[in-house]
Amino acid sequence: MTVTSTTKPAHSQLGHQDWQRILDAVSDGMIITDRHFNILFVNRAFATLSGVDAQDLIGKTCHDVFSSKLCATPDCPLTSIQSVGQQKVFDQEPHCKNGKHAPWIVTITAYPDASGAIGGYVERFTDASAFRRVKQALTRSHDRLRKNMGAIIQAMSTTIEKRDPYTAGHQRRVTKLCRAIATRLGFAWERIQGLRMAAAIHDLGKIHVPSAILNKPGPMSEHELAIIQMHPRTAYDILKDIQFPWPLAETIYQHHERLDGSGYPRQLKGDQIILEARILAVADVVESIASFRPYRPQLGLEAALAEIESQKGVLYDASVVEICTALFNRQGFDFETKSWKLYT
């Protein structure tokens, strides 16, 4: 014989006061509003966080409580919720109009009415103090790591230039031009830092090239040229296993590639070459042609700009070339001036 229980589920026996006690036991602050943002309920945790008596908030609207510039505007997170169950989460310090504020993570969820439409909103306020302390500690650690990484890159750059005195300052000048071009292209600050570091050691692979070849006056033999052309691969092999937050190794690997596939060492073409490497290629060519080299006299900036203009869209990225020539011809850039006022 089957026995059917007549005991009702526990949840059907909970009354209004039971739900209030349950919500008051929640450690996060909670506000429940109707669809017009009138406050229907405030739990004890929110009253404690805000320093306002819960009963003083009932019947008021959210923007009566908070002083955010978004309140009662189309950009208000509540206003932007369009469907039942949709959530908005934001991390900010909502300022109460009584002057109290705290670091909260706010989660807003729309709940349904009897017809299934939006009946109102549940706002949950989680104390983010611990989260922010961890975030600040991570930021400090990241900053220290960045400084240490920058110091290591600088040491590597100095080592390269000590070994090859004829190109002393070459990497520094190339780095400066790369930074200016990337800024004009709209690179984010973080991305510019990655390009600067790549540019600062883009000739790292030349540590594998004998000094007699690096400093040889006059033209090189095919064998000597083949050794020189290995330097991007050598640098890549040195750097590839280091977990940089930028494509630093690949940028250096590609900086002698050309759009038409005539570059080295992999004969990459077009979009196979990352933008950072295309910028570095132009900056490297301009500085190299403009400066003295042991195998030829100084050709000057005019010749350098003429070279990239004549090969714009063929060997070199057209937009990078246009920005580079504009920097020199119209915006006052030069390799030696320390001021960045004109182009950063």
C-alpha atoms as a PDB file:
ATOM      1  CA  MET A   1       0.000   0.000   0.000  1.00  0.00           C
ATOM      2  CA  THR A   2       1.281   3.440  -0.943  1.00  0.00           C
ATOM      3  CA  VAL A   3       1.212   6.070   1.763  1.00  0.00           C
ATOM      4  CA  THR A   4       0.968   9.680   0.617  1.00  0.00           C
ATOM      5  CA  SER A   5       2.410  12.256   2.948  1.00  0.00           C
ATOM      6  CA  THR A   6       0.180  15.212   3.783  1.00  0.00           C
ATOM      7  CA  THR A   7       3.055  17.215   5.240  1.00  0.00           C
ATOM      8  CA  LYS A   8       3.562  20.466   3.301  1.00  0.00           C
ATOM      9  CA  PRO A   9       7.054  21.437   2.149  1.00  0.00           C
ATOM     10  CA  ALA A  10       8.865  23.566   4.710  1.00  0.00           C
ATOM     11  CA  HIS A  11       9.123  26.563   2.377  1.00  0.00           C
ATOM     12  CA  SER A  12       5.322  26.946   2.194  1.00  0.00           C
ATOM     13  CA  GLN A  13       5.255  27.457   5.940  1.00  0.00           C
ATOM     14  CA  LEU A  14       7.626  30.442   5.887  1.00  0.00           C
ATOM     15  CA  GLY A  15       5.982  33.763   6.501  1.00  0.00           C
ATOM     16  CA  HIS A  16       7.082  37.322   5.876  1.00  0.00           C
ATOM     17  CA  GLN A  17       8.905  37.588   9.188  1.00  0.00           C
ATOM     18  CA  ASP A  18      10.705  34.288   8.544  1.00  0.00           C
ATOM     19  CA  TRP A  19      12.041  35.578   5.229  1.00  0.00           C
ATOM     20  CA  GLN A  20      13.081  38.818   6.893  1.00  0.00           C
ATOM     21  CA  ARG A  21      15.047  36.924   9.546  1.00  0.00           C
ATOM     22  CA  ILE A  22      16.683  34.770   6.858  1.00  0.00           C
ATOM     23  CA  LEU A  23      17.723  37.807   4.768  1.00  0.00           C
ATOM     24  CA  ASP A  24      18.940  39.583   7.895  1.00  0.00           C
ATOM     25  CA  ALA A  25      21.239  36.595   8.512  1.00  0.00           C
ATOM     26  CA  VAL A  26      22.935  37.091   5.126  1.00  0.00           C
ATOM     27  CA  SER A  27      26.356  38.685   5.571  1.00  0.00           C
ATOM     28  CA  ASP A  28      26.109  40.723   2.355  1.00  0.00           C
ATOM     29  CA  GLY A  29      24.053  43.883   2.331  1.00  0.00           C
ATOM     30  CA  MET A  30      20.751  43.555   0.434  1.00  0.00           C
ATOM     31  CA  ILE A  31      18.181  45.978  -0.914  1.00  0.00           C
ATOM     32  CA  ILE A  32      14.986  44.866  -2.660  1.00  0.00           C
ATOM     33  CA  THR A  33      13.115  47.398  -4.780  1.00  0.00           C
ATOM     34  CA  ASP A  34      10.051  47.400  -6.996  1.00  0.00           C
ATOM     35  CA  ARG A  35      10.393  48.076 -10.731  1.00  0.00           C
ATOM     36  CA  HIS A  36      10.230  51.820 -10.093  1.00  0.00           C
ATOM     37  CA  PHE A  37      13.247  51.512  -7.772  1.00  0.00           C
ATOM     38  CA  ASN A  38      11.214  52.149  -4.610  1.00  0.00           C
ATOM     39  CA  ILE A  39      12.871  50.330  -1.704  1.00  0.00           C
ATOM     40  CA  LEU A  40      10.733  47.526  -0.266  1.00  0.00           C
ATOM     41  CA  PHE A  41      13.241  45.811   2.011  1.00  0.00           C
ATOM     42  CA  VAL A  42      16.697  46.442   3.487  1.00  0.00           C
ATOM     43  CA  ASN A  43      18.531  43.789   5.455  1.00  0.00           C
ATOM     44  CA  ARG A  44      20.520  44.330   8.617  1.00  0.00           C
ATOM     45  CA  ALA A  45      23.915  43.964   6.888  1.00  0.00           C
ATOM     46  CA  PHE A  46      23.201  46.848   4.500  1.00  0.00           C
ATOM     47  CA  ALA A  47      21.999  49.046   7.350  1.00  0.00           C
ATOM     48  CA  THR A  48      25.290  48.337   9.127  1.00  0.00           C
ATOM     49  CA  LEU A  49      27.377  48.994   6.008  1.00  0.00           C
ATOM     50  CA  SER A  50      25.582  52.208   5.138  1.00  0.00           C
ATOM     51  CA  GLY A  51      25.069  53.524   8.655  1.00  0.00           C
ATOM     52  CA  VAL A  52      21.380  54.162   7.938  1.00  0.00           C
ATOM     53  CA  ASP A  53      18.459  52.640   9.862  1.00  0.00           C
ATOM     54  CA  ALA A  54      16.662  50.132   7.622  1.00  0.00           C
ATOM     55  CA  GLN A  55      13.206  51.572   8.411  1.00  0.00           C
ATOM     56  CA  ASP A  56      14.344  55.015   7.294  1.00  0.00           C
ATOM     57  CA  LEU A  57      15.016  53.633   3.810  1.00  0.00           C
ATOM     58  CA  ILE A  58      11.724  51.834   3.189  1.00  0.00           C
ATOM     59  CA  GLY A  59       9.632  53.710   0.618  1.00  0.00           C
ATOM     60  CA  LYS A  60      12.544  55.770  -0.651  1.00  0.00           C
ATOM     61  CA  THR A  61      14.151  55.216  -4.059  1.00  0.00           C
ATOM     62  CA  CYS A  62      17.710  54.101  -4.682  1.00  0.00           C
ATOM     63  CA  HIS A  63      18.733  57.569  -5.809  1.00  0.00           C
ATOM     64  CA  ASP A  64      17.387  58.938  -2.515  1.00  0.00           C
ATOM     65  CA  VAL A  65      20.023  56.791  -0.794  1.00  0.00           C
ATOM     66  CA  PHE A  66      23.030  56.936  -3.138  1.00  0.00           C
ATOM     67  CA  SER A  67      24.766  59.963  -4.563  1.00  0.00           C
ATOM     68  CA  SER A  68      26.271  58.343  -7.671  1.00  0.00           C
ATOM     69  CA  LYS A  69      26.208  60.455 -10.831  1.00  0.00           C
ATOM     70  CA  LEU A  70      24.575  57.503 -12.591  1.00  0.00           C
ATOM     71  CA  CYS A  71      21.535  57.434 -10.320  1.00  0.00           C
ATOM     72  CA  ALA A  72      18.256  58.316 -12.059  1.00  0.00           C
ATOM     73  CA  THR A  73      20.006  58.444 -15.456  1.00  0.00           C
ATOM     74  CA  PRO A  74      19.808  56.088 -18.478  1.00  0.00           C
ATOM     75  CA  ASP A  75      23.292  54.820 -17.506  1.00  0.00           C
ATOM     76  CA  CYS A  76      22.091  53.588 -14.116  1.00  0.00           C
ATOM     77  CA  PRO A  77      22.821  49.806 -13.869  1.00  0.00           C
ATOM     78  CA  LEU A  78      19.215  49.173 -12.768  1.00  0.00           C
ATOM     79  CA  THR A  79      17.786  51.101 -15.703  1.00  0.00           C
ATOM     80  CA  SER A  80      19.936  49.135 -18.143  1.00  0.00           C
ATOM     81  CA  ILE A  81      18.575  45.737 -17.041  1.00  0.00           C
ATOM     82  CA  GLN A  82      16.082  44.654 -19.694  1.00  0.00           C
ATOM     83  CA  SER A  83      14.936  41.161 -18.671  1.00  0.00           C
ATOM     84  CA  VAL A  84      14.114  38.983 -15.669  1.00  0.00           C
ATOM     85  CA  GLY A  85      17.178  37.208 -14.316  1.00  0.00           C
ATOM     86  CA  GLN A  86      19.621  39.546 -16.019  1.00  0.00           C
ATOM     87  CA  GLN A  87      22.481  40.635 -13.782  1.00  0.00           C
ATOM     88  CA  LYS A  88      24.777  43.621 -13.604  1.00  0.00           C
ATOM     89  CA  VAL A  89      27.952  43.476 -11.523  1.00  0.00           C
ATOM     90  CA  PHE A  90      30.150  46.470 -10.850  1.00  0.00           C
ATOM     91  CA  ASP A  91      32.998  47.301  -8.518  1.00  0.00           C
ATOM     92  CA  GLN A  92      32.852  50.784  -7.088  1.00  0.00           C
ATOM     93  CA  GLU A  93      32.439  52.773  -3.898  1.00  0.00           C
ATOM     94  CA  PRO A  94      28.786  53.836  -3.789  1.00  0.00           C
ATOM     95  CA  HIS A  95      28.502  56.965  -1.686  1.00  0.00           C
ATOM     96  CA  CYS A  96      25.438  57.172   0.501  1.00  0.00           C
ATOM     97  CA  LYS A  97      23.916  60.607   0.858  1.00  0.00           C
ATOM     98  CA  ASN A  98      24.654  60.501   4.555  1.00  0.00           C
ATOM     99  CA  GLY A  99      28.359  60.627   3.658  1.00  0.00           C
ATOM    100  CA  LYS A 100      29.096  56.936   4.326  1.00  0.00           C
ATOM    101  CA  HIS A 101      30.925  55.010   1.619  1.00  0.00           C
ATOM    102  CA  ALA A 102      32.709  51.698   1.374  1.00  0.00           C
ATOM    103  CA  PRO A 103      34.376  49.526  -1.268  1.00  0.00           C
ATOM    104  CA  TRP A 104      31.567  47.259  -2.452  1.00  0.00           C
ATOM    105  CA  ILE A 105      31.046  44.818  -5.290  1.00  0.00           C
ATOM    106  CA  VAL A 106      27.424  45.400  -6.268  1.00  0.00           C
ATOM    107  CA  THR A 107      25.368  42.681  -7.963  1.00  0.00           C
ATOM    108  CA  ILE A 108      21.918  43.657  -9.284  1.00  0.00           C
ATOM    109  CA  THR A 109      19.398  41.030 -10.425  1.00  0.00           C
ATOM    110  CA  ALA A 110      15.905  41.593 -11.852  1.00  0.00           C
ATOM    111  CA  TYR A 111      13.124  39.423 -10.380  1.00  0.00           C
ATOM    112  CA  PRO A 112       9.695  38.694 -11.958  1.00  0.00           C
ATOM    113  CA  ASP A 113       6.205  39.790 -10.968  1.00  0.00           C
ATOM    114  CA  ALA A 114       3.126  37.541 -11.246  1.00  0.00           C
ATOM    115  CA  SER A 115       2.920  38.087 -15.017  1.00  0.00           C
ATOM    116  CA  GLY A 116       6.586  37.256 -15.605  1.00  0.00           C
ATOM    117  CA  ALA A 117       7.641  40.823 -16.349  1.00  0.00           C
ATOM    118  CA  ILE A 118      10.258  42.639 -14.289  1.00  0.00           C
ATOM    119  CA  GLY A 119       8.769  43.170 -10.858  1.00  0.00           C
ATOM    120  CA  GLY A 120      11.795  44.780  -9.257  1.00  0.00           C
ATOM    121  CA  TYR A 121      15.438  44.343  -8.372  1.00  0.00           C
ATOM    122  CA  VAL A 122      17.581  42.675  -5.762  1.00  0.00           C
ATOM    123  CA  GLU A 123      20.796  44.590  -5.034  1.00  0.00           C
ATOM    124  CA  ARG A 124      23.539  42.727  -3.183  1.00  0.00           C
ATOM    125  CA  PHE A 125      26.480  44.633  -1.675  1.00  0.00           C
ATOM    126  CA  THR A 126      29.604  42.569  -0.951  1.00  0.00           C
ATOM    127  CA  ASP A 127      32.411  44.140   1.048  1.00  0.00           C
ATOM    128  CA  ALA A 128      35.359  44.321  -1.349  1.00  0.00           C
ATOM    129  CA  SER A 129      37.950  45.558   1.143  1.00  0.00           C
ATOM    130  CA  ALA A 130      39.881  42.277   1.220  1.00  0.00           C
ATOM    131  CA  PHE A 131      39.649  41.946  -2.562  1.00  0.00           C
ATOM    132  CA  ARG A 132      41.047  45.430  -3.029  1.00  0.00           C
ATOM    133  CA  ARG A 133      43.894  44.795  -0.618  1.00  0.00           C
ATOM    134  CA  VAL A 134      44.870  41.718  -2.636  1.00  0.00           C
ATOM    135  CA  LYS A 135      44.506  43.699  -5.871  1.00  0.00           C
ATOM    136  CA  GLN A 136      46.745  46.471  -4.537  1.00  0.00           C
ATOM    137  CA  ALA A 137      49.350  43.924  -3.419  1.00  0.00           C
ATOM    138  CA  LEU A 138      49.296  42.314  -6.864  1.00  0.00           C
ATOM    139  CA  THR A 139      49.672  45.725  -8.508  1.00  0.00           C
ATOM    140  CA  ARG A 140      52.712  46.510  -6.349  1.00  0.00           C
ATOM    141  CA  SER A 141      54.199  43.114  -7.172  1.00  0.00           C
ATOM    142  CA  HIS A 142      53.524  43.667 -10.874  1.00  0.00           C
ATOM    143  CA  ASP A 143      55.197  47.083 -10.732  1.00  0.00           C
ATOM    144  CA  ARG A 144      58.288  45.620  -9.064  1.00  0.00           C
ATOM    145  CA  LEU A 145      58.412  42.862 -11.669  1.00  0.00           C
ATOM    146  CA  ARG A 146      58.130  45.426 -14.467  1.00  0.00           C
ATOM    147  CA  LYS A 147      60.970  47.513 -13.026  1.00  0.00           C
ATOM    148  CA  ASN A 148      63.178  44.457 -12.648  1.00  0.00           C
ATOM    149  CA  MET A 149      62.348  43.331 -16.173  1.00  0.00           C
ATOM    150  CA  GLY A 150      63.147  46.802 -17.499  1.00  0.00           C
ATOM    151  CA  ALA A 151      66.487  46.765 -15.692  1.00  0.00           C
ATOM    152  CA  ILE A 152      67.357  43.367 -17.180  1.00  0.00           C
ATOM    153  CA  ILE A 153      66.403  44.550 -20.683  1.00  0.00           C
ATOM    154  CA  GLN A 154      68.559  47.651 -20.197  1.00  0.00           C
ATOM    155  CA  ALA A 155      71.509  45.527 -19.089  1.00  0.00           C
ATOM    156  CA  MET A 156      71.130  43.330 -22.160  1.00  0.00           C
ATOM    157  CA  SER A 157      70.946  46.405 -24.407  1.00  0.00           C
ATOM    158  CA  THR A 158      74.102  47.864 -22.851  1.00  0.00           C
ATOM    159  CA  THR A 159      75.928  44.560 -23.317  1.00  0.00           C
ATOM    160  CA  ILE A 160      75.072  44.520 -27.025  1.00  0.00           C
ATOM    161  CA  GLU A 161      76.232  48.099 -27.539  1.00  0.00           C
ATOM    162  CA  LYS A 162      79.486  47.524 -25.604  1.00  0.00           C
ATOM    163  CA  ARG A 163      80.295  44.700 -27.993  1.00  0.00           C
ATOM    164  CA  ASP A 164      79.428  46.692 -31.123  1.00  0.00           C
ATOM    165  CA  PRO A 165      80.611  50.316 -30.601  1.00  0.00           C
ATOM    166  CA  TYR A 166      79.667  51.379 -34.122  1.00  0.00           C
ATOM    167  CA  THR A 167      76.004  50.899 -33.300  1.00  0.00           C
ATOM    168  CA  ALA A 168      76.196  52.422 -29.811  1.00  0.00           C
ATOM    169  CA  GLY A 169      72.925  54.231 -29.274  1.00  0.00           C
ATOM    170  CA  HIS A 170      71.272  52.525 -32.262  1.00  0.00           C
ATOM    171  CA  GLN A 171      68.847  50.499 -30.164  1.00  0.00           C
ATOM    172  CA  ARG A 172      68.051  53.505 -27.952  1.00  0.00           C
ATOM    173  CA  ARG A 173      67.189  55.663 -30.979  1.00  0.00           C
ATOM    174  CA  VAL A 174      65.162  52.885 -32.595  1.00  0.00           C
ATOM    175  CA  THR A 175      63.249  52.435 -29.333  1.00  0.00           C
ATOM    176  CA  LYS A 176      62.442  56.130 -29.217  1.00  0.00           C
ATOM    177  CA  LEU A 177      61.093  56.129 -32.781  1.00  0.00           C
ATOM    178  CA  CYS A 178      59.086  52.948 -32.180  1.00  0.00           C
ATOM    179  CA  ARG A 179      57.454  54.552 -29.171  1.00  0.00           C
ATOM    180  CA  ALA A 180      56.484  57.650 -31.139  1.00  0.00           C
ATOM    181  CA  ILE A 181      55.031  55.613 -34.040  1.00  0.00           C
ATOM    182  CA  ALA A 182      53.101  53.293 -31.718  1.00  0.00           C
ATOM    183  CA  THR A 183      51.683  56.286 -29.846  1.00  0.00           C
ATOM    184  CA  ARG A 184      50.453  57.787 -33.120  1.00  0.00           C
ATOM    185  CA  LEU A 185      48.915  54.428 -34.064  1.00  0.00           C
ATOM    186  CA  GLY A 186      46.887  54.508 -30.840  1.00  0.00           C
ATOM    187  CA  PHE A 187      48.635  51.663 -29.017  1.00  0.00           C
ATOM    188  CA  ALA A 188      47.641  51.268 -25.380  1.00  0.00           C
ATOM    189  CA  TRP A 189      50.334  52.161 -22.853  1.00  0.00           C
ATOM    190  CA  GLU A 190      50.943  48.515 -21.939  1.00  0.00           C
ATOM    191  CA  ARG A 191      51.418  47.510 -25.579  1.00  0.00           C
ATOM    192  CA  ILE A 192      53.865  50.371 -26.117  1.00  0.00           C
ATOM    193  CA  GLN A 193      55.966  49.105 -23.210  1.00  0.00           C
ATOM    194  CA  GLY A 194      56.254  45.695 -24.856  1.00  0.00           C
ATOM    195  CA  LEU A 195      57.349  47.248 -28.150  1.00  0.00           C
ATOM    196  CA  ARG A 196      59.877  49.467 -26.364  1.00  0.00           C
ATOM    197  CA  MET A 197      61.444  46.448 -24.665  1.00  0.00           C
ATOM    198  CA  ALA A 198      61.636  44.522 -27.937  1.00  0.00           C
ATOM    199  CA  ALA A 199      63.218  47.500 -29.693  1.00  0.00           C
ATOM    200  CA  ALA A 200      65.738  47.986 -26.874  1.00  0.00           C
ATOM    201  CA  ILE A 201      67.232  44.516 -27.487  1.00  0.00           C
ATOM    202  CA  HIS A 202      66.266  43.823 -31.108  1.00  0.00           C
ATOM    203  CA  ASP A 203      69.936  43.180 -32.004  1.00  0.00           C
ATOM    204  CA  LEU A 204      70.470  40.784 -29.095  1.00  0.00           C
ATOM    205  CA  GLY A 205      71.247  37.971 -31.539  1.00  0.00           C
ATOM    206  CA  LYS A 206      74.382  39.776 -32.700  1.00  0.00           C
ATOM    207  CA  ILE A 207      76.182  38.470 -29.637  1.00  0.00           C
ATOM    208  CA  HIS A 208      76.562  35.303 -31.716  1.00  0.00           C
ATOM    209  CA  VAL A 209      78.174  37.201 -34.621  1.00  0.00           C
ATOM    210  CA  PRO A 210      82.012  37.470 -34.524  1.00  0.00           C
ATOM    211  CA  SER A 211      83.259  41.004 -33.862  1.00  0.00           C
ATOM    212  CA  ALA A 212      85.393  40.829 -37.002  1.00  0.00           C
ATOM    213  CA  ILE A 213      82.214  40.589 -39.075  1.00  0.00           C
ATOM    214  CA  LEU A 214      80.263  43.190 -37.084  1.00  0.00           C
ATOM    215  CA  ASN A 215      83.030  45.769 -37.431  1.00  0.00           C
ATOM    216  CA  LYS A 216      84.255  44.836 -40.899  1.00  0.00           C
ATOM    217  CA  PRO A 217      84.764  47.845 -43.185  1.00  0.00           C
ATOM    218  CA  GLY A 218      83.432  47.464 -46.712  1.00  0.00           C
ATOM    219  CA  PRO A 219      81.014  44.908 -48.179  1.00  0.00           C
ATOM    220  CA  MET A 220      80.463  41.468 -46.647  1.00  0.00           C
ATOM    221  CA  SER A 221      80.824  38.098 -48.336  1.00  0.00           C
ATOM    222  CA  GLU A 222      77.777  35.855 -48.815  1.00  0.00           C
ATOM    223  CA  HIS A 223      78.973  33.669 -45.947  1.00  0.00           C
ATOM    224  CA  GLU A 224      79.391  36.671 -43.633  1.00  0.00           C
ATOM    225  CA  LEU A 225      75.999  38.024 -44.647  1.00  0.00           C
ATOM    226  CA  ALA A 226      74.395  34.644 -43.889  1.00  0.00           C
ATOM    227  CA  ILE A 227      75.885  34.762 -40.379  1.00  0.00           C
ATOM    228  CA  ILE A 228      74.539  38.286 -39.835  1.00  0.00           C
ATOM    229  CA  GLN A 229      71.091  37.230 -41.021  1.00  0.00           C
ATOM    230  CA  MET A 230      70.917  34.576 -38.306  1.00  0.00           C
ATOM    231  CA  HIS A 231      70.779  37.182 -35.528  1.00  0.00           C
ATOM    232  CA  PRO A 232      66.939  37.433 -35.350  1.00  0.00           C
ATOM    233  CA  ARG A 233      66.709  33.651 -34.913  1.00  0.00           C
ATOM    234  CA  THR A 234      69.472  33.654 -32.301  1.00  0.00           C
ATOM    235  CA  ALA A 235      67.632  36.312 -30.277  1.00  0.00           C
ATOM    236  CA  TYR A 236      64.383  34.366 -30.592  1.00  0.00           C
ATOM    237  CA  ASP A 237      66.033  31.184 -29.304  1.00  0.00           C
ATOM    238  CA  ILE A 238      67.359  33.112 -26.287  1.00  0.00           C
ATOM    239  CA  LEU A 239      64.005  34.719 -25.457  1.00  0.00           C
ATOM    240  CA  LYS A 240      61.310  32.288 -26.604  1.00  0.00           C
ATOM    241  CA  ASP A 241      60.948  30.386 -23.314  1.00  0.00           C
ATOM    242  CA  ILE A 242      60.643  33.528 -21.175  1.00  0.00           C
ATOM    243  CA  GLN A 243      56.991  34.293 -20.401  1.00  0.00           C
ATOM    244  CA  PHE A 244      56.816  37.985 -21.280  1.00  0.00           C
ATOM    245  CA  PRO A 245      53.355  39.617 -21.269  1.00  0.00           C
ATOM    246  CA  TRP A 246      54.041  40.835 -24.826  1.00  0.00           C
ATOM    247  CA  PRO A 247      55.129  39.149 -28.090  1.00  0.00           C
ATOM    248  CA  LEU A 248      58.669  40.326 -27.441  1.00  0.00           C
ATOM    249  CA  ALA A 249      60.532  37.302 -28.835  1.00  0.00           C
ATOM    250  CA  GLU A 250      58.357  37.129 -31.959  1.00  0.00           C
ATOM    251  CA  THR A 251      58.689  40.881 -32.593  1.00  0.00           C
ATOM    252  CA  ILE A 252      62.481  40.580 -32.625  1.00  0.00           C
ATOM    253  CA  TYR A 253      62.319  37.385 -34.703  1.00  0.00           C
ATOM    254  CA  GLN A 254      60.301  39.199 -37.389  1.00  0.00           C
ATOM    255  CA  HIS A 255      61.908  42.647 -37.528  1.00  0.00           C
ATOM    256  CA  HIS A 256      63.868  41.891 -40.731  1.00  0.00           C
ATOM    257  CA  GLU A 257      60.861  40.371 -42.516  1.00  0.00           C
ATOM    258  CA  ARG A 258      59.328  42.371 -45.386  1.00  0.00           C
ATOM    259  CA  LEU A 259      55.750  42.554 -46.646  1.00  0.00           C
ATOM    260  CA  ASP A 260      56.599  41.019 -50.038  1.00  0.00           C
ATOM    261  CA  GLY A 261      58.344  38.018 -48.483  1.00  0.00           C
ATOM    262  CA  SER A 262      61.862  39.160 -49.380  1.00  0.00           C
ATOM    263  CA  GLY A 263      62.994  39.526 -45.767  1.00  0.00           C
ATOM    264  CA  TYR A 264      64.645  37.035 -43.428  1.00  0.00           C
ATOM    265  CA  PRO A 265      64.919  34.615 -41.738  1.00  0.00           C
ATOM    266  CA  ARG A 266      61.485  33.081 -42.563  1.00  0.00           C
ATOM    267  CA  GLN A 267      60.365  35.092 -45.616  1.00  0.00           C
ATOM    268  CA  LEU A 268      57.052  35.991 -43.962  1.00  0.00           C
ATOM    269  CA  LYS A 269      54.559  38.050 -45.976  1.00  0.00           C
ATOM    270  CA  GLY A 270      51.897  40.677 -45.262  1.00  0.00           C
ATOM    271  CA  ASP A 271      49.762  39.974 -42.201  1.00  0.00           C
ATOM    272  CA  GLN A 272      52.020  37.089 -41.192  1.00  0.00           C
ATOM    273  CA  ILE A 273      54.224  39.845 -39.793  1.00  0.00           C
ATOM    274  CA  ILE A 274      52.841  41.264 -36.542  1.00  0.00           C
ATOM    275  CA  LEU A 275      52.318  45.012 -36.319  1.00  0.00           C
ATOM    276  CA  GLU A 276      54.975  45.447 -33.625  1.00  0.00           C
ATOM    277  CA  ALA A 277      57.568  43.925 -35.973  1.00  0.00           C
ATOM    278  CA  ARG A 278      56.410  46.123 -38.864  1.00  0.00           C
ATOM    279  CA  ILE A 279      56.938  49.201 -36.702  1.00  0.00           C
ATOM    280  CA  LEU A 280      60.331  47.971 -35.538  1.00  0.00           C
ATOM    281  CA  ALA A 281      61.359  47.234 -39.143  1.00  0.00           C
ATOM    282  CA  VAL A 282      60.687  50.805 -40.260  1.00  0.00           C
ATOM    283  CA  ALA A 283      62.378  52.377 -37.227  1.00  0.00           C
ATOM    284  CA  ASP A 284      65.405  50.095 -37.614  1.00  0.00           C
ATOM    285  CA  VAL A 285      65.819  50.894 -41.326  1.00  0.00           C
ATOM    286  CA  VAL A 286      65.454  54.647 -40.835  1.00  0.00           C
ATOM    287  CA  GLU A 287      67.997  54.819 -38.019  1.00  0.00           C
ATOM    288  CA  SER A 288      70.442  52.475 -39.781  1.00  0.00           C
ATOM    289  CA  ILE A 289      70.446  54.394 -43.083  1.00  0.00           C
ATOM    290  CA  ALA A 290      70.620  57.773 -41.347  1.00  0.00           C
ATOM    291  CA  SER A 291      73.639  56.769 -39.238  1.00  0.00           C
ATOM    292  CA  PHE A 292      77.268  55.776 -39.856  1.00  0.00           C
ATOM    293  CA  ARG A 293      78.172  52.124 -40.347  1.00  0.00           C
ATOM    294  CA  PRO A 294      81.685  50.673 -40.727  1.00  0.00           C
ATOM    295  CA  TYR A 295      80.834  49.257 -44.164  1.00  0.00           C
ATOM    296  CA  ARG A 296      79.519  52.588 -45.559  1.00  0.00           C
ATOM    297  CA  PRO A 297      79.395  56.322 -44.810  1.00  0.00           C
ATOM    298  CA  GLN A 298      76.475  58.039 -43.103  1.00  0.00           C
ATOM    299  CA  LEU A 299      73.704  58.492 -45.691  1.00  0.00           C
ATOM    300  CA  GLY A 300      71.516  60.851 -43.669  1.00  0.00           C
ATOM    301  CA  LEU A 301      67.870  61.156 -42.700  1.00  0.00           C
ATOM    302  CA  GLU A 302      66.708  62.343 -46.111  1.00  0.00           C
ATOM    303  CA  ALA A 303      67.977  59.143 -47.729  1.00  0.00           C
ATOM    304  CA  ALA A 304      66.416  57.055 -44.962  1.00  0.00           C
ATOM    305  CA  LEU A 305      62.977  58.609 -45.413  1.00  0.00           C
ATOM    306  CA  ALA A 306      63.280  58.337 -49.202  1.00  0.00           C
ATOM    307  CA  GLU A 307      63.960  54.597 -48.837  1.00  0.00           C
ATOM    308  CA  ILE A 308      60.867  53.846 -46.759  1.00  0.00           C
ATOM    309  CA  GLU A 309      58.682  56.106 -48.945  1.00  0.00           C
ATOM    310  CA  SER A 310      59.828  54.340 -52.133  1.00  0.00           C
ATOM    311  CA  GLN A 311      59.028  50.931 -50.624  1.00  0.00           C
ATOM    312  CA  LYS A 312      55.827  51.921 -48.826  1.00  0.00           C
ATOM    313  CA  GLY A 313      53.292  49.111 -49.110  1.00  0.00           C
ATOM    314  CA  VAL A 314      55.911  46.891 -50.821  1.00  0.00           C
ATOM    315  CA  LEU A 315      58.503  46.195 -48.139  1.00  0.00           C
ATOM    316  CA  TYR A 316      57.158  48.345 -45.316  1.00  0.00           C
ATOM    317  CA  ASP A 317      53.717  48.858 -43.781  1.00  0.00           C
ATOM    318  CA  ALA A 318      52.147  51.902 -45.448  1.00  0.00           C
ATOM    319  CA  SER A 319      50.498  53.335 -42.327  1.00  0.00           C
ATOM    320  CA  VAL A 320      53.711  52.969 -40.320  1.00  0.00           C
ATOM    321  CA  VAL A 321      55.715  54.706 -43.066  1.00  0.00           C
ATOM    322  CA  GLU A 322      53.217  57.584 -43.259  1.00  0.00           C
ATOM    323  CA  ILE A 323      53.349  58.146 -39.511  1.00  0.00           C
ATOM    324  CA  CYS A 324      57.142  57.888 -39.449  1.00  0.00           C
ATOM    325  CA  THR A 325      57.673  60.454 -42.209  1.00  0.00           C
ATOM    326  CA  ALA A 326      55.102  62.787 -40.638  1.00  0.00           C
ATOM    327  CA  LEU A 327      56.929  62.600 -37.297  1.00  0.00           C
ATOM    328  CA  PHE A 328      60.158  63.837 -38.876  1.00  0.00           C
ATOM    329  CA  ASN A 329      58.762  66.225 -41.486  1.00  0.00           C
ATOM    330  CA  ARG A 330      55.847  67.848 -39.675  1.00  0.00           C
ATOM    331  CA  GLN A 331      55.896  67.020 -35.981  1.00  0.00           C
ATOM    332  CA  GLY A 332      59.438  67.884 -34.942  1.00  0.00           C
ATOM    333  CA  PHE A 333      60.702  64.411 -34.096  1.00  0.00           C
ATOM    334  CA  ASP A 334      64.439  63.782 -34.036  1.00  0.00           C
ATOM    335  CA  PHE A 335      66.561  61.048 -32.522  1.00  0.00           C
ATOM    336  CA  GLU A 336      68.438  63.196 -30.023  1.00  0.00           C
ATOM    337  CA  THR A 337      65.865  65.580 -28.515  1.00  0.00           C
ATOM    338  CA  LYS A 338      64.788  64.336 -25.105  1.00  0.00           C
ATOM    339  CA  SER A 339      61.499  66.246 -25.018  1.00  0.00           C
ATOM    340  CA  TRP A 340      58.377  64.288 -25.997  1.00  0.00           C
ATOM    341  CA  LYS A 341      55.976  67.221 -25.964  1.00  0.00           C
ATOM    342  CA  LEU A 342      55.455  67.249 -29.715  1.00  0.00           C
ATOM    343  CA  TYR A 343      54.557  63.624 -30.227  1.00  0.00           C
ATOM    344  CA  THR A 344      53.439  61.881 -27.051  1.00  0.00           C
END
